[in-house]
PDB file of N, CA and C in Angstrom:
ATOM      1  N   MET A   1     -21.432  16.684  -5.481  1.00  0.00           N
ATOM      2  CA  MET A   1     -20.408  16.371  -6.452  1.00  0.00           C
ATOM      3  C   MET A   1     -20.622  17.261  -7.670  1.00  0.00           C
ATOM      4  N   SER A   2     -19.533  17.694  -8.251  1.00  0.00           N
ATOM      5  CA  SER A   2     -19.648  18.541  -9.433  1.00  0.00           C
ATOM      6  C   SER A   2     -20.090  17.707 -10.633  1.00  0.00           C
ATOM      7  N   ALA A   3     -20.684  18.387 -11.590  1.00  0.00           N
ATOM      8  CA  ALA A   3     -21.151  17.705 -12.795  1.00  0.00           C
ATOM      9  C   ALA A   3     -19.963  17.241 -13.618  1.00  0.00           C
ATOM     10  N   ARG A   4     -20.112  16.118 -14.264  1.00  0.00           N
ATOM     11  CA  ARG A   4     -19.062  15.598 -15.144  1.00  0.00           C
ATOM     12  C   ARG A   4     -19.373  16.057 -16.555  1.00  0.00           C
ATOM     13  N   LYS A   5     -18.351  16.482 -17.267  1.00  0.00           N
ATOM     14  CA  LYS A   5     -18.544  17.044 -18.592  1.00  0.00           C
ATOM     15  C   LYS A   5     -18.014  16.077 -19.652  1.00  0.00           C
ATOM     16  N   PRO A   6     -18.857  15.648 -20.581  1.00  0.00           N
ATOM     17  CA  PRO A   6     -18.390  14.724 -21.619  1.00  0.00           C
ATOM     18  C   PRO A   6     -17.570  15.443 -22.687  1.00  0.00           C
ATOM     19  N   PHE A   7     -16.645  14.708 -23.295  1.00  0.00           N
ATOM     20  CA  PHE A   7     -15.899  15.230 -24.437  1.00  0.00           C
ATOM     21  C   PHE A   7     -15.438  14.061 -25.289  1.00  0.00           C
ATOM     22  N   LEU A   8     -15.151  14.338 -26.543  1.00  0.00           N
ATOM     23  CA  LEU A   8     -14.735  13.324 -27.496  1.00  0.00           C
ATOM     24  C   LEU A   8     -13.221  13.186 -27.465  1.00  0.00           C
ATOM     25  N   LEU A   9     -12.736  11.967 -27.433  1.00  0.00           N
ATOM     26  CA  LEU A   9     -11.305  11.705 -27.463  1.00  0.00           C
ATOM     27  C   LEU A   9     -11.008  10.838 -28.679  1.00  0.00           C
ATOM     28  N   ARG A  10     -10.142  11.324 -29.527  1.00  0.00           N
ATOM     29  CA  ARG A  10      -9.719  10.535 -30.691  1.00  0.00           C
ATOM     30  C   ARG A  10      -8.322  10.024 -30.419  1.00  0.00           C
ATOM     31  N   THR A  11      -8.144   8.728 -30.593  1.00  0.00           N
ATOM     32  CA  THR A  11      -6.839   8.136 -30.319  1.00  0.00           C
ATOM     33  C   THR A  11      -6.567   6.991 -31.285  1.00  0.00           C
ATOM     34  N   ASP A  12      -5.349   6.603 -31.353  1.00  0.00           N
ATOM     35  CA  ASP A  12      -4.900   5.503 -32.195  1.00  0.00           C
ATOM     36  C   ASP A  12      -5.548   4.196 -31.721  1.00  0.00           C
ATOM     37  N   PRO A  13      -5.941   3.313 -32.634  1.00  0.00           N
ATOM     38  CA  PRO A  13      -6.562   2.040 -32.230  1.00  0.00           C
ATOM     39  C   PRO A  13      -5.682   1.201 -31.293  1.00  0.00           C
ATOM     40  N   GLU A  14      -4.361   1.250 -31.485  1.00  0.00           N
ATOM     41  CA  GLU A  14      -3.469   0.489 -30.610  1.00  0.00           C
ATOM     42  C   GLU A  14      -3.477   1.053 -29.185  1.00  0.00           C
ATOM     43  N   VAL A  15      -3.548   2.369 -29.069  1.00  0.00           N
ATOM     44  CA  VAL A  15      -3.611   3.002 -27.753  1.00  0.00           C
ATOM     45  C   VAL A  15      -4.922   2.625 -27.067  1.00  0.00           C
ATOM     46  N   LEU A  16      -6.015   2.661 -27.819  1.00  0.00           N
ATOM     47  CA  LEU A  16      -7.317   2.292 -27.253  1.00  0.00           C
ATOM     48  C   LEU A  16      -7.319   0.834 -26.801  1.00  0.00           C
ATOM     49  N   ALA A  17      -6.747  -0.053 -27.603  1.00  0.00           N
ATOM     50  CA  ALA A  17      -6.699  -1.469 -27.231  1.00  0.00           C
ATOM     51  C   ALA A  17      -5.879  -1.662 -25.951  1.00  0.00           C
ATOM     52  N   ALA A  18      -4.759  -0.958 -25.833  1.00  0.00           N
ATOM     53  CA  ALA A  18      -3.936  -1.057 -24.629  1.00  0.00           C
ATOM     54  C   ALA A  18      -4.692  -0.523 -23.415  1.00  0.00           C
ATOM     55  N   LEU A  19      -5.422   0.594 -23.587  1.00  0.00           N
ATOM     56  CA  LEU A  19      -6.226   1.147 -22.497  1.00  0.00           C
ATOM     57  C   LEU A  19      -7.324   0.179 -22.074  1.00  0.00           C
ATOM     58  N   GLN A  20      -7.950  -0.482 -23.039  1.00  0.00           N
ATOM     59  CA  GLN A  20      -9.006  -1.441 -22.728  1.00  0.00           C
ATOM     60  C   GLN A  20      -8.457  -2.609 -21.914  1.00  0.00           C
ATOM     61  N   ARG A  21      -7.284  -3.110 -22.296  1.00  0.00           N
ATOM     62  CA  ARG A  21      -6.681  -4.211 -21.540  1.00  0.00           C
ATOM     63  C   ARG A  21      -6.317  -3.771 -20.123  1.00  0.00           C
ATOM     64  N   TRP A  22      -5.716  -2.578 -20.015  1.00  0.00           N
ATOM     65  CA  TRP A  22      -5.300  -2.062 -18.713  1.00  0.00           C
ATOM     66  C   TRP A  22      -6.508  -1.827 -17.819  1.00  0.00           C
ATOM     67  N   ALA A  23      -7.557  -1.236 -18.375  1.00  0.00           N
ATOM     68  CA  ALA A  23      -8.779  -0.986 -17.612  1.00  0.00           C
ATOM     69  C   ALA A  23      -9.382  -2.313 -17.124  1.00  0.00           C
ATOM     70  N   ALA A  24      -9.415  -3.303 -17.987  1.00  0.00           N
ATOM     71  CA  ALA A  24      -9.961  -4.606 -17.601  1.00  0.00           C
ATOM     72  C   ALA A  24      -9.132  -5.233 -16.477  1.00  0.00           C
ATOM     73  N   ASP A  25      -7.809  -5.108 -16.564  1.00  0.00           N
ATOM     74  CA  ASP A  25      -6.932  -5.646 -15.520  1.00  0.00           C
ATOM     75  C   ASP A  25      -7.199  -5.003 -14.167  1.00  0.00           C
ATOM     76  N   GLU A  26      -7.588  -3.731 -14.164  1.00  0.00           N
ATOM     77  CA  GLU A  26      -7.814  -2.993 -12.921  1.00  0.00           C
ATOM     78  C   GLU A  26      -9.303  -2.878 -12.567  1.00  0.00           C
ATOM     79  N   LEU A  27     -10.147  -3.625 -13.293  1.00  0.00           N
ATOM     80  CA  LEU A  27     -11.590  -3.663 -13.058  1.00  0.00           C
ATOM     81  C   LEU A  27     -12.232  -2.273 -13.155  1.00  0.00           C
ATOM     82  N   ARG A  28     -11.791  -1.508 -14.151  1.00  0.00           N
ATOM     83  CA  ARG A  28     -12.359  -0.190 -14.417  1.00  0.00           C
ATOM     84  C   ARG A  28     -12.902  -0.167 -15.837  1.00  0.00           C
ATOM     85  N   SER A  29     -13.776   0.804 -16.092  1.00  0.00           N
ATOM     86  CA  SER A  29     -14.178   1.071 -17.471  1.00  0.00           C
ATOM     87  C   SER A  29     -13.041   1.835 -18.135  1.00  0.00           C
ATOM     88  N   VAL A  30     -13.041   1.896 -19.456  1.00  0.00           N
ATOM     89  CA  VAL A  30     -12.022   2.678 -20.165  1.00  0.00           C
ATOM     90  C   VAL A  30     -12.125   4.137 -19.740  1.00  0.00           C
ATOM     91  N   ASN A  31     -13.337   4.650 -19.626  1.00  0.00           N
ATOM     92  CA  ASN A  31     -13.521   6.029 -19.180  1.00  0.00           C
ATOM     93  C   ASN A  31     -12.939   6.228 -17.778  1.00  0.00           C
ATOM     94  N   GLY A  32     -13.207   5.297 -16.881  1.00  0.00           N
ATOM     95  CA  GLY A  32     -12.678   5.384 -15.530  1.00  0.00           C
ATOM     96  C   GLY A  32     -11.161   5.315 -15.508  1.00  0.00           C
ATOM     97  N   GLN A  33     -10.584   4.487 -16.384  1.00  0.00           N
ATOM     98  CA  GLN A  33      -9.131   4.364 -16.456  1.00  0.00           C
ATOM     99  C   GLN A  33      -8.506   5.662 -16.965  1.00  0.00           C
ATOM    100  N   ILE A  34      -9.098   6.258 -17.987  1.00  0.00           N
ATOM    101  CA  ILE A  34      -8.593   7.529 -18.516  1.00  0.00           C
ATOM    102  C   ILE A  34      -8.679   8.606 -17.447  1.00  0.00           C
ATOM    103  N   ASP A  35      -9.798   8.678 -16.736  1.00  0.00           N
ATOM    104  CA  ASP A  35      -9.968   9.661 -15.670  1.00  0.00           C
ATOM    105  C   ASP A  35      -8.922   9.451 -14.583  1.00  0.00           C
ATOM    106  N   TYR A  36      -8.707   8.199 -14.197  1.00  0.00           N
ATOM    107  CA  TYR A  36      -7.711   7.873 -13.176  1.00  0.00           C
ATOM    108  C   TYR A  36      -6.321   8.327 -13.620  1.00  0.00           C
ATOM    109  N   LEU A  37      -5.951   8.006 -14.855  1.00  0.00           N
ATOM    110  CA  LEU A  37      -4.625   8.363 -15.358  1.00  0.00           C
ATOM    111  C   LEU A  37      -4.442   9.874 -15.458  1.00  0.00           C
ATOM    112  N   LEU A  38      -5.477  10.563 -15.887  1.00  0.00           N
ATOM    113  CA  LEU A  38      -5.395  12.021 -15.968  1.00  0.00           C
ATOM    114  C   LEU A  38      -5.211  12.637 -14.584  1.00  0.00           C
ATOM    115  N   ARG A  39      -5.976  12.170 -13.610  1.00  0.00           N
ATOM    116  CA  ARG A  39      -5.852  12.703 -12.246  1.00  0.00           C
ATOM    117  C   ARG A  39      -4.483  12.391 -11.654  1.00  0.00           C
ATOM    118  N   GLN A  40      -3.991  11.186 -11.895  1.00  0.00           N
ATOM    119  CA  GLN A  40      -2.677  10.795 -11.400  1.00  0.00           C
ATOM    120  C   GLN A  40      -1.592  11.695 -12.003  1.00  0.00           C
ATOM    121  N   GLY A  41      -1.666  11.926 -13.300  1.00  0.00           N
ATOM    122  CA  GLY A  41      -0.711  12.799 -13.959  1.00  0.00           C
ATOM    123  C   GLY A  41      -0.796  14.233 -13.464  1.00  0.00           C
ATOM    124  N   LEU A  42      -2.016  14.715 -13.257  1.00  0.00           N
ATOM    125  CA  LEU A  42      -2.200  16.074 -12.737  1.00  0.00           C
ATOM    126  C   LEU A  42      -1.632  16.221 -11.331  1.00  0.00           C
ATOM    127  N   ARG A  43      -1.848  15.207 -10.475  1.00  0.00           N
ATOM    128  CA  ARG A  43      -1.286  15.255  -9.125  1.00  0.00           C
ATOM    129  C   ARG A  43       0.235  15.267  -9.172  1.00  0.00           C
ATOM    130  N   GLN A  44       0.826  14.395 -10.001  1.00  0.00           N
ATOM    131  CA  GLN A  44       2.285  14.308 -10.086  1.00  0.00           C
ATOM    132  C   GLN A  44       2.895  15.603 -10.617  1.00  0.00           C
ATOM    133  N   ALA A  45       2.180  16.284 -11.500  1.00  0.00           N
ATOM    134  CA  ALA A  45       2.676  17.535 -12.068  1.00  0.00           C
ATOM    135  C   ALA A  45       2.346  18.733 -11.191  1.00  0.00           C
ATOM    136  N   GLY A  46       1.628  18.498 -10.102  1.00  0.00           N
ATOM    137  CA  GLY A  46       1.243  19.589  -9.217  1.00  0.00           C
ATOM    138  C   GLY A  46       0.194  20.498  -9.840  1.00  0.00           C
ATOM    139  N   ARG A  47      -0.614  19.968 -10.734  1.00  0.00           N
ATOM    140  CA  ARG A  47      -1.616  20.764 -11.440  1.00  0.00           C
ATOM    141  C   ARG A  47      -3.041  20.531 -10.959  1.00  0.00           C
ATOM    142  N   LEU A  48      -3.251  19.577 -10.082  1.00  0.00           N
ATOM    143  CA  LEU A  48      -4.583  19.357  -9.526  1.00  0.00           C
ATOM    144  C   LEU A  48      -4.798  20.404  -8.443  1.00  0.00           C
ATOM    145  N   PRO A  49      -5.945  21.088  -8.444  1.00  0.00           N
ATOM    146  CA  PRO A  49      -6.165  22.119  -7.422  1.00  0.00           C
ATOM    147  C   PRO A  49      -5.914  21.555  -6.027  1.00  0.00           C
ATOM    148  N   PRO A  50      -5.221  22.311  -5.160  1.00  0.00           N
ATOM    149  CA  PRO A  50      -4.846  21.782  -3.844  1.00  0.00           C
ATOM    150  C   PRO A  50      -6.025  21.398  -2.969  1.00  0.00           C
ATOM    151  N   ARG A  51      -7.172  22.037  -3.139  1.00  0.00           N
ATOM    152  CA  ARG A  51      -8.333  21.709  -2.300  1.00  0.00           C
ATOM    153  C   ARG A  51      -9.084  20.499  -2.824  1.00  0.00           C
ATOM    154  N   ALA A  52      -8.787  20.063  -4.035  1.00  0.00           N
ATOM    155  CA  ALA A  52      -9.478  18.904  -4.596  1.00  0.00           C
ATOM    156  C   ALA A  52      -8.921  17.641  -3.954  1.00  0.00           C
ATOM    157  N   GLN A  53      -9.803  16.857  -3.365  1.00  0.00           N
ATOM    158  CA  GLN A  53      -9.389  15.610  -2.748  1.00  0.00           C
ATOM    159  C   GLN A  53     -10.093  14.471  -3.465  1.00  0.00           C
ATOM    160  N   ILE A  54      -9.500  13.312  -3.415  1.00  0.00           N
ATOM    161  CA  ILE A  54     -10.007  12.163  -4.138  1.00  0.00           C
ATOM    162  C   ILE A  54     -10.504  11.124  -3.132  1.00  0.00           C
ATOM    163  N   ASP A  55     -11.710  10.606  -3.376  1.00  0.00           N
ATOM    164  CA  ASP A  55     -12.221   9.565  -2.487  1.00  0.00           C
ATOM    165  C   ASP A  55     -11.808   8.192  -3.028  1.00  0.00           C
ATOM    166  N   GLY A  56     -12.242   7.130  -2.413  1.00  0.00           N
ATOM    167  CA  GLY A  56     -11.850   5.780  -2.792  1.00  0.00           C
ATOM    168  C   GLY A  56     -12.235   5.378  -4.200  1.00  0.00           C
ATOM    169  N   SER A  57     -13.233   6.009  -4.782  1.00  0.00           N
ATOM    170  CA  SER A  57     -13.642   5.663  -6.136  1.00  0.00           C
ATOM    171  C   SER A  57     -12.807   6.380  -7.177  1.00  0.00           C
ATOM    172  N   GLY A  58     -11.908   7.263  -6.741  1.00  0.00           N
ATOM    173  CA  GLY A  58     -11.097   8.009  -7.680  1.00  0.00           C
ATOM    174  C   GLY A  58     -11.745   9.295  -8.136  1.00  0.00           C
ATOM    175  N   ARG A  59     -12.897   9.610  -7.582  1.00  0.00           N
ATOM    176  CA  ARG A  59     -13.613  10.825  -7.974  1.00  0.00           C
ATOM    177  C   ARG A  59     -13.318  11.962  -7.021  1.00  0.00           C
ATOM    178  N   GLU A  60     -13.331  13.149  -7.578  1.00  0.00           N
ATOM    179  CA  GLU A  60     -13.089  14.345  -6.782  1.00  0.00           C
ATOM    180  C   GLU A  60     -14.279  14.600  -5.872  1.00  0.00           C
ATOM    181  N   ARG A  61     -14.008  15.096  -4.666  1.00  0.00           N
ATOM    182  CA  ARG A  61     -15.103  15.444  -3.765  1.00  0.00           C
ATOM    183  C   ARG A  61     -14.796  16.796  -3.150  1.00  0.00           C
ATOM    184  N   SER A  62     -15.823  17.403  -2.631  1.00  0.00           N
ATOM    185  CA  SER A  62     -15.650  18.730  -2.044  1.00  0.00           C
ATOM    186  C   SER A  62     -14.918  18.611  -0.715  1.00  0.00           C
ATOM    187  N   PRO A  63     -14.127  19.632  -0.352  1.00  0.00           N
ATOM    188  CA  PRO A  63     -13.355  19.572   0.885  1.00  0.00           C
ATOM    189  C   PRO A  63     -14.201  19.431   2.139  1.00  0.00           C
ATOM    190  N   ASP A  64     -15.430  19.945   2.142  1.00  0.00           N
ATOM    191  CA  ASP A  64     -16.247  19.877   3.349  1.00  0.00           C
ATOM    192  C   ASP A  64     -16.683  18.458   3.698  1.00  0.00           C
ATOM    193  N   ARG A  65     -16.644  17.542   2.750  1.00  0.00           N
ATOM    194  CA  ARG A  65     -17.017  16.155   3.016  1.00  0.00           C
ATOM    195  C   ARG A  65     -15.800  15.288   3.298  1.00  0.00           C
ATOM    196  N   SER A  66     -14.602  15.821   3.161  1.00  0.00           N
ATOM    197  CA  SER A  66     -13.391  15.008   3.255  1.00  0.00           C
ATOM    198  C   SER A  66     -13.241  14.323   4.606  1.00  0.00           C
ATOM    199  N   GLU A  67     -13.526  15.021   5.682  1.00  0.00           N
ATOM    200  CA  GLU A  67     -13.359  14.427   7.003  1.00  0.00           C
ATOM    201  C   GLU A  67     -14.282  13.237   7.214  1.00  0.00           C
ATOM    202  N   SER A  68     -15.539  13.378   6.834  1.00  0.00           N
ATOM    203  CA  SER A  68     -16.487  12.299   7.075  1.00  0.00           C
ATOM    204  C   SER A  68     -16.202  11.087   6.202  1.00  0.00           C
ATOM    205  N   LEU A  69     -15.630  11.297   5.016  1.00  0.00           N
ATOM    206  CA  LEU A  69     -15.356  10.173   4.136  1.00  0.00           C
ATOM    207  C   LEU A  69     -14.024   9.503   4.451  1.00  0.00           C
ATOM    208  N   LEU A  70     -13.110  10.220   5.083  1.00  0.00           N
ATOM    209  CA  LEU A  70     -11.814   9.649   5.385  1.00  0.00           C
ATOM    210  C   LEU A  70     -11.817   8.832   6.671  1.00  0.00           C
ATOM    211  N   THR A  71     -12.730   9.119   7.562  1.00  0.00           N
ATOM    212  CA  THR A  71     -12.775   8.370   8.813  1.00  0.00           C
ATOM    213  C   THR A  71     -13.671   7.151   8.654  1.00  0.00           C
ATOM    214  N   THR A  72     -13.264   6.084   9.277  1.00  0.00           N
ATOM    215  CA  THR A  72     -14.077   4.867   9.235  1.00  0.00           C
ATOM    216  C   THR A  72     -14.640   4.611  10.610  1.00  0.00           C
ATOM    217  N   LYS A  73     -15.810   4.058  10.637  1.00  0.00           N
ATOM    218  CA  LYS A  73     -16.449   3.736  11.915  1.00  0.00           C
ATOM    219  C   LYS A  73     -16.028   2.339  12.327  1.00  0.00           C
ATOM    220  N   GLU A  74     -15.643   2.208  13.592  1.00  0.00           N
ATOM    221  CA  GLU A  74     -15.282   0.899  14.101  1.00  0.00           C
ATOM    222  C   GLU A  74     -16.530   0.231  14.646  1.00  0.00           C
ATOM    223  N   PRO A  75     -16.623  -1.111  14.477  1.00  0.00           N
ATOM    224  CA  PRO A  75     -17.812  -1.832  14.955  1.00  0.00           C
ATOM    225  C   PRO A  75     -17.937  -1.860  16.452  1.00  0.00           C
TER     226      PRO A  75
END
Protein backbone atom coordinates (compact mmCIF):
# COMPACT_ATOMS: atom_id res chain seq x y z
CA MET A 1 0.00 0.00 0.00
CA SER A 2 1.26 3.47 -0.76
CA ALA A 3 2.14 5.81 2.07
CA ARG A 4 -0.55 8.19 3.24
CA LYS A 5 0.43 11.84 3.32
CA PRO A 6 -0.93 14.11 6.06
CA PHE A 7 -2.08 17.66 5.36
CA LEU A 8 -3.89 20.42 7.23
CA LEU A 9 -7.48 21.23 6.30
CA ARG A 10 -9.07 24.45 7.47
CA THR A 11 -12.83 24.58 7.27
CA ASP A 12 -15.82 26.37 8.71
CA PRO A 13 -16.98 25.03 12.12
CA GLU A 14 -20.45 24.29 10.70
CA VAL A 15 -18.95 22.22 7.88
CA LEU A 16 -16.81 20.30 10.38
CA ALA A 17 -19.82 19.64 12.62
CA ALA A 18 -21.82 18.34 9.64
CA LEU A 19 -18.89 16.10 8.61
CA GLN A 20 -18.62 14.75 12.16
CA ARG A 21 -22.33 13.86 12.22
CA TRP A 22 -22.16 12.26 8.76
CA ALA A 23 -19.03 10.28 9.64
CA ALA A 24 -20.65 9.04 12.86
CA ASP A 25 -23.78 7.97 10.94
CA GLU A 26 -21.61 5.91 8.57
CA LEU A 27 -19.33 4.55 11.34
CA ARG A 28 -16.25 6.31 9.93
CA SER A 29 -13.74 8.73 11.37
CA VAL A 30 -13.91 12.30 10.06
CA ASN A 31 -10.65 11.63 8.22
CA GLY A 32 -12.10 8.47 6.70
CA GLN A 33 -15.26 10.32 5.67
CA ILE A 34 -13.26 13.10 3.98
CA ASP A 35 -11.12 10.52 2.17
CA TYR A 36 -14.24 8.64 1.06
CA LEU A 37 -15.90 11.81 -0.24
CA LEU A 38 -12.79 12.93 -2.07
CA ARG A 39 -12.39 9.54 -3.78
CA GLN A 40 -16.08 9.45 -4.68
CA GLY A 41 -15.86 12.92 -6.21
CA LEU A 42 -12.68 12.03 -8.10
CA ARG A 43 -14.29 8.89 -9.53
CA GLN A 44 -17.42 10.80 -10.61
CA ALA A 45 -15.28 13.47 -12.28
CA GLY A 46 -13.15 10.84 -14.01
CA ARG A 47 -10.04 12.12 -12.23
CA LEU A 48 -9.07 9.02 -10.25
CA PRO A 49 -6.27 7.18 -12.08
CA PRO A 50 -7.84 4.32 -14.08
CA ARG A 51 -5.54 1.68 -12.57
CA ALA A 52 -6.37 2.72 -9.01
CA GLN A 53 -8.89 0.33 -7.52
CA ILE A 54 -10.64 0.59 -4.20
CA ASP A 55 -10.99 -2.27 -1.74
CA GLY A 56 -13.81 -2.72 0.79
CA SER A 57 -12.23 -0.34 3.29
CA GLY A 58 -12.30 2.49 0.76
CA ARG A 59 -8.53 2.51 0.42
CA GLU A 60 -6.64 2.41 -2.82
CA ARG A 61 -4.76 -0.79 -3.60
CA SER A 62 -2.31 -1.80 -6.25
CA PRO A 63 -3.71 -3.46 -9.38
CA ASP A 64 -1.68 -6.65 -8.87
CA ARG A 65 -3.63 -7.46 -5.69
CA SER A 66 -7.06 -6.67 -7.14
CA GLU A 67 -7.89 -10.19 -8.27
CA SER A 68 -7.09 -11.84 -4.96
CA LEU A 69 -9.03 -9.25 -2.97
CA LEU A 70 -12.09 -9.26 -5.22
CA THR A 71 -12.64 -13.00 -5.14
CA THR A 72 -14.13 -14.64 -2.10
CA LYS A 73 -13.48 -18.16 -0.98
CA GLU A 74 -16.50 -20.38 -0.59
CA PRO A 75 -16.63 -22.67 2.47
